[in-house]
């Protein structure tokens, strides 16, 4: 459903994308899949269509939405690429306007960064 919603939002009409999607939904919604399959110009039933192959590279996330905590309390969520340098992420977190309000007048003791999990700022 997430993919269908995103394709609708992007106004995607490419058969090279929609046909494999139709094949993927056929076990769960066979009647609508069969109807869509025929609307895409196919004469044979979708039952005999070749199932799309699994490609792991498309399933890897490139970004992560980090929860940013100050003394253990979540104050914001910020999205960063997973391959971004730890120091760059820490610098950007400290520049975040939403977090600046919580850090105003406080001394930062430590920034705990766990890649792909959380960022915690310890203040005094």
PDB file of N, CA and C in Angstrom:
ATOM      1  N   UNK A   1       0.823  -1.199   0.000  1.00  0.00           N
ATOM      2  CA  UNK A   1       0.000   0.000   0.000  1.00  0.00           C
ATOM      3  C   UNK A   1       0.866   1.262   0.000  1.00  0.00           C
ATOM      4  N   UNK A   2       1.986   1.209   0.725  1.00  0.00           N
ATOM      5  CA  UNK A   2       2.870   2.376   0.762  1.00  0.00           C
ATOM      6  C   UNK A   2       3.384   2.677  -0.641  1.00  0.00           C
ATOM      7  N   UNK A   3       3.792   1.619  -1.343  1.00  0.00           N
ATOM      8  CA  UNK A   3       4.292   1.815  -2.699  1.00  0.00           C
ATOM      9  C   UNK A   3       3.193   2.343  -3.621  1.00  0.00           C
ATOM     10  N   UNK A   4       1.999   1.799  -3.505  1.00  0.00           N
ATOM     11  CA  UNK A   4       0.872   2.273  -4.327  1.00  0.00           C
ATOM     12  C   UNK A   4       0.599   3.754  -4.078  1.00  0.00           C
ATOM     13  N   UNK A   5       0.619   4.144  -2.809  1.00  0.00           N
ATOM     14  CA  UNK A   5       0.376   5.548  -2.465  1.00  0.00           C
ATOM     15  C   UNK A   5       1.465   6.457  -3.032  1.00  0.00           C
ATOM     16  N   UNK A   6       2.726   6.021  -2.945  1.00  0.00           N
ATOM     17  CA  UNK A   6       3.823   6.837  -3.468  1.00  0.00           C
ATOM     18  C   UNK A   6       3.762   6.940  -4.981  1.00  0.00           C
ATOM     19  N   UNK A   7       3.430   5.834  -5.658  1.00  0.00           N
ATOM     20  CA  UNK A   7       3.321   5.872  -7.118  1.00  0.00           C
ATOM     21  C   UNK A   7       2.164   6.764  -7.559  1.00  0.00           C
ATOM     22  N   UNK A   8       1.072   6.748  -6.818  1.00  0.00           N
ATOM     23  CA  UNK A   8      -0.066   7.620  -7.123  1.00  0.00           C
ATOM     24  C   UNK A   8       0.335   9.078  -6.950  1.00  0.00           C
ATOM     25  N   UNK A   9       1.053   9.360  -5.863  1.00  0.00           N
ATOM     26  CA  UNK A   9       1.499  10.720  -5.583  1.00  0.00           C
ATOM     27  C   UNK A   9       2.430  11.236  -6.682  1.00  0.00           C
ATOM     28  N   UNK A  10       3.273  10.359  -7.211  1.00  0.00           N
ATOM     29  CA  UNK A  10       4.220  10.738  -8.263  1.00  0.00           C
ATOM     30  C   UNK A  10       3.601  10.663  -9.659  1.00  0.00           C
ATOM     31  N   UNK A  11       2.323  10.260  -9.725  1.00  0.00           N
ATOM     32  CA  UNK A  11       1.599  10.115 -10.994  1.00  0.00           C
ATOM     33  C   UNK A  11       2.350   9.198 -11.963  1.00  0.00           C
ATOM     34  N   UNK A  12       2.773   8.052 -11.445  1.00  0.00           N
ATOM     35  CA  UNK A  12       3.518   7.070 -12.228  1.00  0.00           C
ATOM     36  C   UNK A  12       2.558   6.256 -13.102  1.00  0.00           C
ATOM     37  N   UNK A  13       2.855   6.194 -14.405  1.00  0.00           N
ATOM     38  CA  UNK A  13       2.042   5.431 -15.347  1.00  0.00           C
ATOM     39  C   UNK A  13       2.893   4.466 -16.160  1.00  0.00           C
ATOM     40  N   UNK A  14       4.106   4.164 -15.698  1.00  0.00           N
ATOM     41  CA  UNK A  14       5.015   3.298 -16.434  1.00  0.00           C
ATOM     42  C   UNK A  14       4.641   1.835 -16.227  1.00  0.00           C
ATOM     43  N   UNK A  15       4.391   1.151 -17.309  1.00  0.00           N
ATOM     44  CA  UNK A  15       4.023  -0.258 -17.233  1.00  0.00           C
ATOM     45  C   UNK A  15       5.164  -1.109 -16.678  1.00  0.00           C
ATOM     46  N   UNK A  16       6.409  -0.675 -16.896  1.00  0.00           N
ATOM     47  CA  UNK A  16       7.558  -1.432 -16.386  1.00  0.00           C
ATOM     48  C   UNK A  16       7.582  -1.452 -14.859  1.00  0.00           C
ATOM     49  N   UNK A  17       6.911  -0.517 -14.235  1.00  0.00           N
ATOM     50  CA  UNK A  17       6.813  -0.476 -12.770  1.00  0.00           C
ATOM     51  C   UNK A  17       5.489  -1.088 -12.312  1.00  0.00           C
ATOM     52  N   UNK A  18       4.416  -0.775 -13.011  1.00  0.00           N
ATOM     53  CA  UNK A  18       3.085  -1.204 -12.581  1.00  0.00           C
ATOM     54  C   UNK A  18       2.819  -2.693 -12.790  1.00  0.00           C
ATOM     55  N   UNK A  19       3.384  -3.285 -13.839  1.00  0.00           N
ATOM     56  CA  UNK A  19       3.151  -4.718 -14.077  1.00  0.00           C
ATOM     57  C   UNK A  19       3.737  -5.590 -12.966  1.00  0.00           C
ATOM     58  N   UNK A  20       5.012  -5.385 -12.567  1.00  0.00           N
ATOM     59  CA  UNK A  20       5.529  -6.187 -11.446  1.00  0.00           C
ATOM     60  C   UNK A  20       4.746  -5.958 -10.150  1.00  0.00           C
ATOM     61  N   UNK A  21       4.302  -4.730  -9.923  1.00  0.00           N
ATOM     62  CA  UNK A  21       3.497  -4.442  -8.735  1.00  0.00           C
ATOM     63  C   UNK A  21       2.182  -5.218  -8.773  1.00  0.00           C
ATOM     64  N   UNK A  22       1.587  -5.267  -9.939  1.00  0.00           N
ATOM     65  CA  UNK A  22       0.337  -6.002 -10.114  1.00  0.00           C
ATOM     66  C   UNK A  22       0.552  -7.496  -9.833  1.00  0.00           C
ATOM     67  N   UNK A  23       1.664  -8.036 -10.309  1.00  0.00           N
ATOM     68  CA  UNK A  23       1.986  -9.448 -10.054  1.00  0.00           C
ATOM     69  C   UNK A  23       2.198  -9.675  -8.556  1.00  0.00           C
ATOM     70  N   UNK A  24       2.840  -8.720  -7.890  1.00  0.00           N
ATOM     71  CA  UNK A  24       3.093  -8.857  -6.450  1.00  0.00           C
ATOM     72  C   UNK A  24       1.812  -8.854  -5.622  1.00  0.00           C
ATOM     73  N   UNK A  25       0.822  -8.066  -6.045  1.00  0.00           N
ATOM     74  CA  UNK A  25      -0.406  -8.006  -5.247  1.00  0.00           C
ATOM     75  C   UNK A  25      -1.384  -9.127  -5.593  1.00  0.00           C
ATOM     76  N   UNK A  26      -1.113  -9.859  -6.675  1.00  0.00           N
ATOM     77  CA  UNK A  26      -2.066 -10.889  -7.109  1.00  0.00           C
ATOM     78  C   UNK A  26      -2.345 -11.989  -6.073  1.00  0.00           C
ATOM     79  N   UNK A  27      -1.379 -12.435  -5.258  1.00  0.00           N
ATOM     80  CA  UNK A  27      -1.733 -13.437  -4.245  1.00  0.00           C
ATOM     81  C   UNK A  27      -2.670 -12.897  -3.154  1.00  0.00           C
ATOM     82  N   UNK A  28      -2.612 -11.593  -2.901  1.00  0.00           N
ATOM     83  CA  UNK A  28      -3.408 -10.990  -1.835  1.00  0.00           C
ATOM     84  C   UNK A  28      -4.751 -10.446  -2.322  1.00  0.00           C
ATOM     85  N   UNK A  29      -4.745  -9.948  -3.558  1.00  0.00           N
ATOM     86  CA  UNK A  29      -5.958  -9.371  -4.137  1.00  0.00           C
ATOM     87  C   UNK A  29      -6.093  -9.881  -5.572  1.00  0.00           C
ATOM     88  N   UNK A  30      -6.411 -11.156  -5.731  1.00  0.00           N
ATOM     89  CA  UNK A  30      -6.387 -11.759  -7.071  1.00  0.00           C
ATOM     90  C   UNK A  30      -7.380 -11.154  -8.059  1.00  0.00           C
ATOM     91  N   UNK A  31      -8.549 -10.792  -7.606  1.00  0.00           N
ATOM     92  CA  UNK A  31      -9.555 -10.285  -8.533  1.00  0.00           C
ATOM     93  C   UNK A  31      -9.178  -8.918  -9.092  1.00  0.00           C
ATOM     94  N   UNK A  32      -8.781  -8.014  -8.222  1.00  0.00           N
ATOM     95  CA  UNK A  32      -8.403  -6.674  -8.693  1.00  0.00           C
ATOM     96  C   UNK A  32      -7.117  -6.748  -9.509  1.00  0.00           C
ATOM     97  N   UNK A  33      -6.186  -7.624  -9.117  1.00  0.00           N
ATOM     98  CA  UNK A  33      -4.941  -7.778  -9.875  1.00  0.00           C
ATOM     99  C   UNK A  33      -5.231  -8.285 -11.286  1.00  0.00           C
ATOM    100  N   UNK A  34      -6.137  -9.227 -11.392  1.00  0.00           N
ATOM    101  CA  UNK A  34      -6.503  -9.774 -12.703  1.00  0.00           C
ATOM    102  C   UNK A  34      -7.151  -8.690 -13.576  1.00  0.00           C
ATOM    103  N   UNK A  35      -7.989  -7.888 -12.978  1.00  0.00           N
ATOM    104  CA  UNK A  35      -8.651  -6.799 -13.702  1.00  0.00           C
ATOM    105  C   UNK A  35      -7.632  -5.761 -14.178  1.00  0.00           C
ATOM    106  N   UNK A  36      -6.722  -5.372 -13.282  1.00  0.00           N
ATOM    107  CA  UNK A  36      -5.680  -4.411 -13.652  1.00  0.00           C
ATOM    108  C   UNK A  36      -4.773  -4.973 -14.739  1.00  0.00           C
ATOM    109  N   UNK A  37      -4.466  -6.266 -14.625  1.00  0.00           N
ATOM    110  CA  UNK A  37      -3.611  -6.942 -15.598  1.00  0.00           C
ATOM    111  C   UNK A  37      -4.218  -6.860 -17.005  1.00  0.00           C
ATOM    112  N   UNK A  38      -5.516  -7.095 -17.091  1.00  0.00           N
ATOM    113  CA  UNK A  38      -6.173  -7.026 -18.405  1.00  0.00           C
ATOM    114  C   UNK A  38      -6.254  -5.579 -18.908  1.00  0.00           C
ATOM    115  N   UNK A  39      -6.407  -4.608 -17.999  1.00  0.00           N
ATOM    116  CA  UNK A  39      -6.428  -3.198 -18.397  1.00  0.00           C
ATOM    117  C   UNK A  39      -5.063  -2.726 -18.914  1.00  0.00           C
ATOM    118  N   UNK A  40      -4.003  -3.428 -18.509  1.00  0.00           N
ATOM    119  CA  UNK A  40      -2.654  -3.090 -18.984  1.00  0.00           C
ATOM    120  C   UNK A  40      -2.354  -3.736 -20.337  1.00  0.00           C
ATOM    121  N   UNK A  41      -3.359  -4.393 -20.912  1.00  0.00           N
ATOM    122  CA  UNK A  41      -3.200  -4.925 -22.255  1.00  0.00           C
ATOM    123  C   UNK A  41      -2.775  -6.375 -22.335  1.00  0.00           C
ATOM    124  N   UNK A  42      -2.757  -7.069 -21.225  1.00  0.00           N
ATOM    125  CA  UNK A  42      -2.348  -8.474 -21.211  1.00  0.00           C
ATOM    126  C   UNK A  42      -3.544  -9.361 -21.540  1.00  0.00           C
ATOM    127  N   UNK A  43      -3.312 -10.386 -22.380  1.00  0.00           N
ATOM    128  CA  UNK A  43      -4.389 -11.291 -22.788  1.00  0.00           C
ATOM    129  C   UNK A  43      -4.466 -12.539 -21.914  1.00  0.00           C
ATOM    130  N   UNK A  44      -3.312 -13.002 -21.411  1.00  0.00           N
ATOM    131  CA  UNK A  44      -3.309 -14.194 -20.557  1.00  0.00           C
ATOM    132  C   UNK A  44      -3.554 -13.799 -19.113  1.00  0.00           C
ATOM    133  N   UNK A  45      -3.929 -14.779 -18.308  1.00  0.00           N
ATOM    134  CA  UNK A  45      -4.173 -14.538 -16.896  1.00  0.00           C
ATOM    135  C   UNK A  45      -2.875 -14.185 -16.167  1.00  0.00           C
ATOM    136  N   UNK A  46      -3.010 -13.433 -15.097  1.00  0.00           N
ATOM    137  CA  UNK A  46      -1.850 -13.026 -14.298  1.00  0.00           C
ATOM    138  C   UNK A  46      -1.254 -14.208 -13.536  1.00  0.00           C
ATOM    139  N   UNK A  47      -2.031 -15.265 -13.396  1.00  0.00           N
ATOM    140  CA  UNK A  47      -1.595 -16.451 -12.666  1.00  0.00           C
ATOM    141  C   UNK A  47      -0.311 -17.037 -13.245  1.00  0.00           C
ATOM    142  N   UNK A  48      -0.125 -16.943 -14.543  1.00  0.00           N
ATOM    143  CA  UNK A  48       1.041 -17.532 -15.198  1.00  0.00           C
ATOM    144  C   UNK A  48       2.178 -16.534 -15.431  1.00  0.00           C
ATOM    145  N   UNK A  49       2.013 -15.332 -14.964  1.00  0.00           N
ATOM    146  CA  UNK A  49       3.065 -14.321 -15.115  1.00  0.00           C
ATOM    147  C   UNK A  49       4.240 -14.659 -14.200  1.00  0.00           C
ATOM    148  N   UNK A  50       5.451 -14.365 -14.658  1.00  0.00           N
ATOM    149  CA  UNK A  50       6.658 -14.649 -13.880  1.00  0.00           C
ATOM    150  C   UNK A  50       6.740 -13.676 -12.704  1.00  0.00           C
ATOM    151  N   UNK A  51       6.908 -14.236 -11.509  1.00  0.00           N
ATOM    152  CA  UNK A  51       7.004 -13.426 -10.294  1.00  0.00           C
ATOM    153  C   UNK A  51       8.310 -12.633 -10.318  1.00  0.00           C
ATOM    154  N   UNK A  52       8.300 -11.347  -9.942  1.00  0.00           N
ATOM    155  CA  UNK A  52       9.530 -10.538  -9.957  1.00  0.00           C
ATOM    156  C   UNK A  52      10.602 -11.129  -9.041  1.00  0.00           C
ATOM    157  N   UNK A  53      11.854 -10.969  -9.448  1.00  0.00           N
ATOM    158  CA  UNK A  53      12.954 -11.508  -8.642  1.00  0.00           C
ATOM    159  C   UNK A  53      13.269 -10.575  -7.470  1.00  0.00           C
ATOM    160  N   UNK A  54      13.798 -11.168  -6.437  1.00  0.00           N
ATOM    161  CA  UNK A  54      14.175 -10.451  -5.225  1.00  0.00           C
ATOM    162  C   UNK A  54      15.529  -9.781  -5.436  1.00  0.00           C
ATOM    163  N   UNK A  55      15.617  -8.473  -5.163  1.00  0.00           N
ATOM    164  CA  UNK A  55      16.867  -7.745  -5.303  1.00  0.00           C
ATOM    165  C   UNK A  55      17.130  -6.974  -4.018  1.00  0.00           C
ATOM    166  N   UNK A  56      18.075  -7.470  -3.248  1.00  0.00           N
ATOM    167  CA  UNK A  56      18.330  -6.933  -1.905  1.00  0.00           C
ATOM    168  C   UNK A  56      18.763  -5.470  -1.900  1.00  0.00           C
ATOM    169  N   UNK A  57      19.458  -5.013  -2.946  1.00  0.00           N
ATOM    170  CA  UNK A  57      19.949  -3.631  -2.949  1.00  0.00           C
ATOM    171  C   UNK A  57      18.828  -2.605  -2.892  1.00  0.00           C
ATOM    172  N   UNK A  58      17.616  -2.986  -3.323  1.00  0.00           N
ATOM    173  CA  UNK A  58      16.487  -2.062  -3.277  1.00  0.00           C
ATOM    174  C   UNK A  58      15.819  -2.009  -1.909  1.00  0.00           C
ATOM    175  N   UNK A  59      16.175  -2.922  -1.033  1.00  0.00           N
ATOM    176  CA  UNK A  59      15.547  -2.982   0.280  1.00  0.00           C
ATOM    177  C   UNK A  59      16.354  -2.280   1.363  1.00  0.00           C
ATOM    178  N   UNK A  60      17.539  -1.811   1.038  1.00  0.00           N
ATOM    179  CA  UNK A  60      18.392  -1.148   2.026  1.00  0.00           C
ATOM    180  C   UNK A  60      17.989   0.314   2.155  1.00  0.00           C
ATOM    181  N   UNK A  61      17.896   0.766   3.397  1.00  0.00           N
ATOM    182  CA  UNK A  61      17.574   2.166   3.657  1.00  0.00           C
ATOM    183  C   UNK A  61      18.811   3.022   3.455  1.00  0.00           C
ATOM    184  N   UNK A  62      18.626   4.186   2.908  1.00  0.00           N
ATOM    185  CA  UNK A  62      19.746   5.106   2.729  1.00  0.00           C
ATOM    186  C   UNK A  62      19.728   6.211   3.787  1.00  0.00           C
ATOM    187  N   UNK A  63      18.566   6.438   4.397  1.00  0.00           N
ATOM    188  CA  UNK A  63      18.430   7.468   5.431  1.00  0.00           C
ATOM    189  C   UNK A  63      17.853   6.852   6.696  1.00  0.00           C
ATOM    190  N   UNK A  64      18.095   7.545   7.815  1.00  0.00           N
ATOM    191  CA  UNK A  64      17.513   7.119   9.084  1.00  0.00           C
ATOM    192  C   UNK A  64      17.028   8.352   9.831  1.00  0.00           C
ATOM    193  N   UNK A  65      15.865   8.242  10.416  1.00  0.00           N
ATOM    194  CA  UNK A  65      15.271   9.335  11.189  1.00  0.00           C
ATOM    195  C   UNK A  65      15.669   9.143  12.655  1.00  0.00           C
ATOM    196  N   UNK A  66      16.696   9.882  13.070  1.00  0.00           N
ATOM    197  CA  UNK A  66      17.244   9.753  14.418  1.00  0.00           C
ATOM    198  C   UNK A  66      16.376  10.470  15.446  1.00  0.00           C
ATOM    199  N   UNK A  67      16.057   9.805  16.555  1.00  0.00           N
ATOM    200  CA  UNK A  67      15.461  10.532  17.672  1.00  0.00           C
ATOM    201  C   UNK A  67      16.591  11.259  18.410  1.00  0.00           C
ATOM    202  N   UNK A  68      16.416  12.542  18.657  1.00  0.00           N
ATOM    203  CA  UNK A  68      17.417  13.342  19.354  1.00  0.00           C
ATOM    204  C   UNK A  68      16.920  13.564  20.777  1.00  0.00           C
ATOM    205  N   UNK A  69      17.693  13.083  21.739  1.00  0.00           N
ATOM    206  CA  UNK A  69      17.319  13.204  23.148  1.00  0.00           C
ATOM    207  C   UNK A  69      18.248  14.168  23.857  1.00  0.00           C
ATOM    208  N   UNK A  70      17.692  14.859  24.833  1.00  0.00           N
ATOM    209  CA  UNK A  70      18.492  15.697  25.720  1.00  0.00           C
ATOM    210  C   UNK A  70      18.256  15.169  27.121  1.00  0.00           C
ATOM    211  N   UNK A  71      19.322  14.659  27.728  1.00  0.00           N
ATOM    212  CA  UNK A  71      19.264  14.001  29.040  1.00  0.00           C
ATOM    213  C   UNK A  71      18.204  12.898  29.061  1.00  0.00           C
ATOM    214  N   UNK A  72      18.106  12.155  27.989  1.00  0.00           N
ATOM    215  CA  UNK A  72      17.210  11.005  27.936  1.00  0.00           C
ATOM    216  C   UNK A  72      15.790  11.306  27.484  1.00  0.00           C
ATOM    217  N   UNK A  73      15.424  12.564  27.330  1.00  0.00           N
ATOM    218  CA  UNK A  73      14.076  12.926  26.869  1.00  0.00           C
ATOM    219  C   UNK A  73      14.130  13.278  25.392  1.00  0.00           C
ATOM    220  N   UNK A  74      13.325  12.603  24.597  1.00  0.00           N
ATOM    221  CA  UNK A  74      13.298  12.861  23.159  1.00  0.00           C
ATOM    222  C   UNK A  74      12.711  14.238  22.897  1.00  0.00           C
ATOM    223  N   UNK A  75      13.485  15.043  22.193  1.00  0.00           N
ATOM    224  CA  UNK A  75      13.073  16.419  21.910  1.00  0.00           C
ATOM    225  C   UNK A  75      12.806  16.672  20.431  1.00  0.00           C
ATOM    226  N   UNK A  76      13.381  15.855  19.551  1.00  0.00           N
ATOM    227  CA  UNK A  76      13.200  16.074  18.117  1.00  0.00           C
ATOM    228  C   UNK A  76      13.566  14.812  17.351  1.00  0.00           C
ATOM    229  N   UNK A  77      13.196  14.803  16.086  1.00  0.00           N
ATOM    230  CA  UNK A  77      13.586  13.745  15.154  1.00  0.00           C
ATOM    231  C   UNK A  77      14.200  14.429  13.942  1.00  0.00           C
ATOM    232  N   UNK A  78      15.380  13.975  13.554  1.00  0.00           N
ATOM    233  CA  UNK A  78      16.069  14.549  12.408  1.00  0.00           C
ATOM    234  C   UNK A  78      16.558  13.415  11.514  1.00  0.00           C
ATOM    235  N   UNK A  79      16.345  13.563  10.204  1.00  0.00           N
ATOM    236  CA  UNK A  79      16.735  12.520   9.256  1.00  0.00           C
ATOM    237  C   UNK A  79      18.099  12.827   8.654  1.00  0.00           C
ATOM    238  N   UNK A  80      18.969  11.793   8.653  1.00  0.00           N
ATOM    239  CA  UNK A  80      20.302  11.901   8.087  1.00  0.00           C
ATOM    240  C   UNK A  80      20.587  10.681   7.223  1.00  0.00           C
ATOM    241  N   UNK A  81      21.447  10.831   6.212  1.00  0.00           N
ATOM    242  CA  UNK A  81      21.887   9.665   5.438  1.00  0.00           C
ATOM    243  C   UNK A  81      22.701   8.738   6.337  1.00  0.00           C
ATOM    244  N   UNK A  82      22.542   7.436   6.158  1.00  0.00           N
ATOM    245  CA  UNK A  82      23.258   6.478   6.990  1.00  0.00           C
ATOM    246  C   UNK A  82      24.766   6.504   6.769  1.00  0.00           C
ATOM    247  N   UNK A  83      25.198   6.966   5.619  1.00  0.00           N
ATOM    248  CA  UNK A  83      26.632   6.999   5.345  1.00  0.00           C
ATOM    249  C   UNK A  83      27.286   8.328   5.731  1.00  0.00           C
ATOM    250  N   UNK A  84      26.544   9.204   6.384  1.00  0.00           N
ATOM    251  CA  UNK A  84      27.078  10.508   6.775  1.00  0.00           C
ATOM    252  C   UNK A  84      28.018  10.366   7.971  1.00  0.00           C
ATOM    253  N   UNK A  85      29.053  11.175   7.986  1.00  0.00           N
ATOM    254  CA  UNK A  85      30.067  11.178   9.027  1.00  0.00           C
ATOM    255  C   UNK A  85      29.463  11.559  10.391  1.00  0.00           C
ATOM    256  N   UNK A  86      29.926  10.905  11.445  1.00  0.00           N
ATOM    257  CA  UNK A  86      29.418  11.157  12.804  1.00  0.00           C
ATOM    258  C   UNK A  86      29.621  12.604  13.227  1.00  0.00           C
ATOM    259  N   UNK A  87      30.769  13.173  12.912  1.00  0.00           N
ATOM    260  CA  UNK A  87      31.055  14.557  13.305  1.00  0.00           C
ATOM    261  C   UNK A  87      30.129  15.542  12.595  1.00  0.00           C
ATOM    262  N   UNK A  88      29.836  15.300  11.329  1.00  0.00           N
ATOM    263  CA  UNK A  88      28.917  16.168  10.580  1.00  0.00           C
ATOM    264  C   UNK A  88      27.517  16.112  11.173  1.00  0.00           C
ATOM    265  N   UNK A  89      27.092  14.912  11.560  1.00  0.00           N
ATOM    266  CA  UNK A  89      25.767  14.748  12.159  1.00  0.00           C
ATOM    267  C   UNK A  89      25.694  15.500  13.482  1.00  0.00           C
ATOM    268  N   UNK A  90      26.722  15.348  14.321  1.00  0.00           N
ATOM    269  CA  UNK A  90      26.742  16.051  15.612  1.00  0.00           C
ATOM    270  C   UNK A  90      26.691  17.566  15.403  1.00  0.00           C
ATOM    271  N   UNK A  91      27.443  18.048  14.429  1.00  0.00           N
ATOM    272  CA  UNK A  91      27.465  19.487  14.144  1.00  0.00           C
ATOM    273  C   UNK A  91      26.080  19.976  13.714  1.00  0.00           C
ATOM    274  N   UNK A  92      25.428  19.226  12.817  1.00  0.00           N
ATOM    275  CA  UNK A  92      24.097  19.619  12.347  1.00  0.00           C
ATOM    276  C   UNK A  92      23.053  19.558  13.454  1.00  0.00           C
ATOM    277  N   UNK A  93      23.191  18.573  14.347  1.00  0.00           N
ATOM    278  CA  UNK A  93      22.255  18.458  15.469  1.00  0.00           C
ATOM    279  C   UNK A  93      22.357  19.685  16.364  1.00  0.00           C
ATOM    280  N   UNK A  94      23.583  20.115  16.623  1.00  0.00           N
ATOM    281  CA  UNK A  94      23.773  21.284  17.491  1.00  0.00           C
ATOM    282  C   UNK A  94      23.297  22.575  16.817  1.00  0.00           C
ATOM    283  N   UNK A  95      23.182  22.593  15.494  1.00  0.00           N
ATOM    284  CA  UNK A  95      22.694  23.764  14.767  1.00  0.00           C
ATOM    285  C   UNK A  95      21.176  23.765  14.619  1.00  0.00           C
ATOM    286  N   UNK A  96      20.517  22.666  14.975  1.00  0.00           N
ATOM    287  CA  UNK A  96      19.070  22.541  14.837  1.00  0.00           C
ATOM    288  C   UNK A  96      18.367  23.544  15.745  1.00  0.00           C
ATOM    289  N   UNK A  97      17.502  24.377  15.160  1.00  0.00           N
ATOM    290  CA  UNK A  97      16.839  25.444  15.911  1.00  0.00           C
ATOM    291  C   UNK A  97      15.933  24.901  17.014  1.00  0.00           C
ATOM    292  N   UNK A  98      15.246  23.812  16.748  1.00  0.00           N
ATOM    293  CA  UNK A  98      14.356  23.217  17.746  1.00  0.00           C
ATOM    294  C   UNK A  98      15.134  22.769  18.983  1.00  0.00           C
ATOM    295  N   UNK A  99      16.343  22.255  18.767  1.00  0.00           N
ATOM    296  CA  UNK A  99      17.164  21.790  19.888  1.00  0.00           C
ATOM    297  C   UNK A  99      17.891  22.935  20.578  1.00  0.00           C
ATOM    298  N   UNK A 100      18.198  23.990  19.830  1.00  0.00           N
ATOM    299  CA  UNK A 100      18.886  25.140  20.425  1.00  0.00           C
ATOM    300  C   UNK A 100      18.078  25.719  21.586  1.00  0.00           C
ATOM    301  N   UNK A 101      16.755  25.715  21.456  1.00  0.00           N
ATOM    302  CA  UNK A 101      15.900  26.236  22.520  1.00  0.00           C
ATOM    303  C   UNK A 101      16.062  25.436  23.803  1.00  0.00           C
ATOM    304  N   UNK A 102      16.232  24.114  23.686  1.00  0.00           N
ATOM    305  CA  UNK A 102      16.391  23.255  24.857  1.00  0.00           C
ATOM    306  C   UNK A 102      17.814  23.307  25.424  1.00  0.00           C
ATOM    307  N   UNK A 103      18.779  23.694  24.593  1.00  0.00           N
ATOM    308  CA  UNK A 103      20.180  23.719  25.024  1.00  0.00           C
ATOM    309  C   UNK A 103      20.628  25.092  25.509  1.00  0.00           C
ATOM    310  N   UNK A 104      19.771  26.087  25.360  1.00  0.00           N
ATOM    311  CA  UNK A 104      20.120  27.457  25.718  1.00  0.00           C
ATOM    312  C   UNK A 104      20.531  27.570  27.183  1.00  0.00           C
ATOM    313  N   UNK A 105      21.722  28.132  27.416  1.00  0.00           N
ATOM    314  CA  UNK A 105      22.206  28.363  28.773  1.00  0.00           C
ATOM    315  C   UNK A 105      22.673  27.110  29.492  1.00  0.00           C
ATOM    316  N   UNK A 106      22.797  25.983  28.779  1.00  0.00           N
ATOM    317  CA  UNK A 106      23.229  24.736  29.402  1.00  0.00           C
ATOM    318  C   UNK A 106      24.566  24.312  28.817  1.00  0.00           C
ATOM    319  N   UNK A 107      25.351  23.656  29.647  1.00  0.00           N
ATOM    320  CA  UNK A 107      26.661  23.184  29.230  1.00  0.00           C
ATOM    321  C   UNK A 107      26.539  21.752  28.705  1.00  0.00           C
ATOM    322  N   UNK A 108      27.028  21.529  27.486  1.00  0.00           N
ATOM    323  CA  UNK A 108      26.995  20.186  26.894  1.00  0.00           C
ATOM    324  C   UNK A 108      28.176  19.395  27.445  1.00  0.00           C
ATOM    325  N   UNK A 109      27.859  18.310  28.134  1.00  0.00           N
ATOM    326  CA  UNK A 109      28.889  17.460  28.718  1.00  0.00           C
ATOM    327  C   UNK A 109      29.353  16.405  27.715  1.00  0.00           C
ATOM    328  N   UNK A 110      28.398  15.805  27.027  1.00  0.00           N
ATOM    329  CA  UNK A 110      28.729  14.700  26.136  1.00  0.00           C
ATOM    330  C   UNK A 110      27.624  14.529  25.099  1.00  0.00           C
ATOM    331  N   UNK A 111      28.024  14.091  23.902  1.00  0.00           N
ATOM    332  CA  UNK A 111      27.055  13.731  22.870  1.00  0.00           C
ATOM    333  C   UNK A 111      27.251  12.247  22.581  1.00  0.00           C
ATOM    334  N   UNK A 112      26.215  11.474  22.840  1.00  0.00           N
ATOM    335  CA  UNK A 112      26.256  10.029  22.612  1.00  0.00           C
ATOM    336  C   UNK A 112      25.592   9.756  21.271  1.00  0.00           C
ATOM    337  N   UNK A 113      26.361   9.148  20.369  1.00  0.00           N
ATOM    338  CA  UNK A 113      25.869   8.862  19.020  1.00  0.00           C
ATOM    339  C   UNK A 113      25.951   7.358  18.780  1.00  0.00           C
ATOM    340  N   UNK A 114      24.804   6.739  18.538  1.00  0.00           N
ATOM    341  CA  UNK A 114      24.755   5.319  18.185  1.00  0.00           C
ATOM    342  C   UNK A 114      24.206   5.260  16.759  1.00  0.00           C
ATOM    343  N   UNK A 115      25.080   4.902  15.828  1.00  0.00           N
ATOM    344  CA  UNK A 115      24.725   4.925  14.399  1.00  0.00           C
ATOM    345  C   UNK A 115      23.494   4.065  14.127  1.00  0.00           C
ATOM    346  N   UNK A 116      22.516   4.666  13.463  1.00  0.00           N
ATOM    347  CA  UNK A 116      21.292   3.963  13.098  1.00  0.00           C
ATOM    348  C   UNK A 116      20.342   3.733  14.259  1.00  0.00           C
ATOM    349  N   UNK A 117      20.582   4.383  15.410  1.00  0.00           N
ATOM    350  CA  UNK A 117      19.716   4.184  16.581  1.00  0.00           C
ATOM    351  C   UNK A 117      19.249   5.504  17.189  1.00  0.00           C
ATOM    352  N   UNK A 118      20.192   6.258  17.804  1.00  0.00           N
ATOM    353  CA  UNK A 118      19.796   7.425  18.600  1.00  0.00           C
ATOM    354  C   UNK A 118      20.965   8.388  18.753  1.00  0.00           C
ATOM    355  N   UNK A 119      20.622   9.644  19.045  1.00  0.00           N
ATOM    356  CA  UNK A 119      21.602  10.646  19.439  1.00  0.00           C
ATOM    357  C   UNK A 119      21.104  11.242  20.748  1.00  0.00           C
ATOM    358  N   UNK A 120      21.969  11.204  21.757  1.00  0.00           N
ATOM    359  CA  UNK A 120      21.610  11.730  23.081  1.00  0.00           C
ATOM    360  C   UNK A 120      22.609  12.798  23.481  1.00  0.00           C
ATOM    361  N   UNK A 121      22.107  13.937  23.878  1.00  0.00           N
ATOM    362  CA  UNK A 121      22.961  15.036  24.330  1.00  0.00           C
ATOM    363  C   UNK A 121      22.817  15.116  25.843  1.00  0.00           C
ATOM    364  N   UNK A 122      23.957  15.004  26.521  1.00  0.00           N
ATOM    365  CA  UNK A 122      23.962  15.089  27.987  1.00  0.00           C
ATOM    366  C   UNK A 122      24.372  16.506  28.354  1.00  0.00           C
ATOM    367  N   UNK A 123      23.515  17.192  29.102  1.00  0.00           N
ATOM    368  CA  UNK A 123      23.791  18.569  29.509  1.00  0.00           C
ATOM    369  C   UNK A 123      23.781  18.680  31.026  1.00  0.00           C
ATOM    370  N   UNK A 124      24.398  19.772  31.497  1.00  0.00           N
ATOM    371  CA  UNK A 124      24.473  20.046  32.931  1.00  0.00           C
ATOM    372  C   UNK A 124      23.575  21.191  33.263  1.00  0.00           C
TER     373      UNK A 124
END
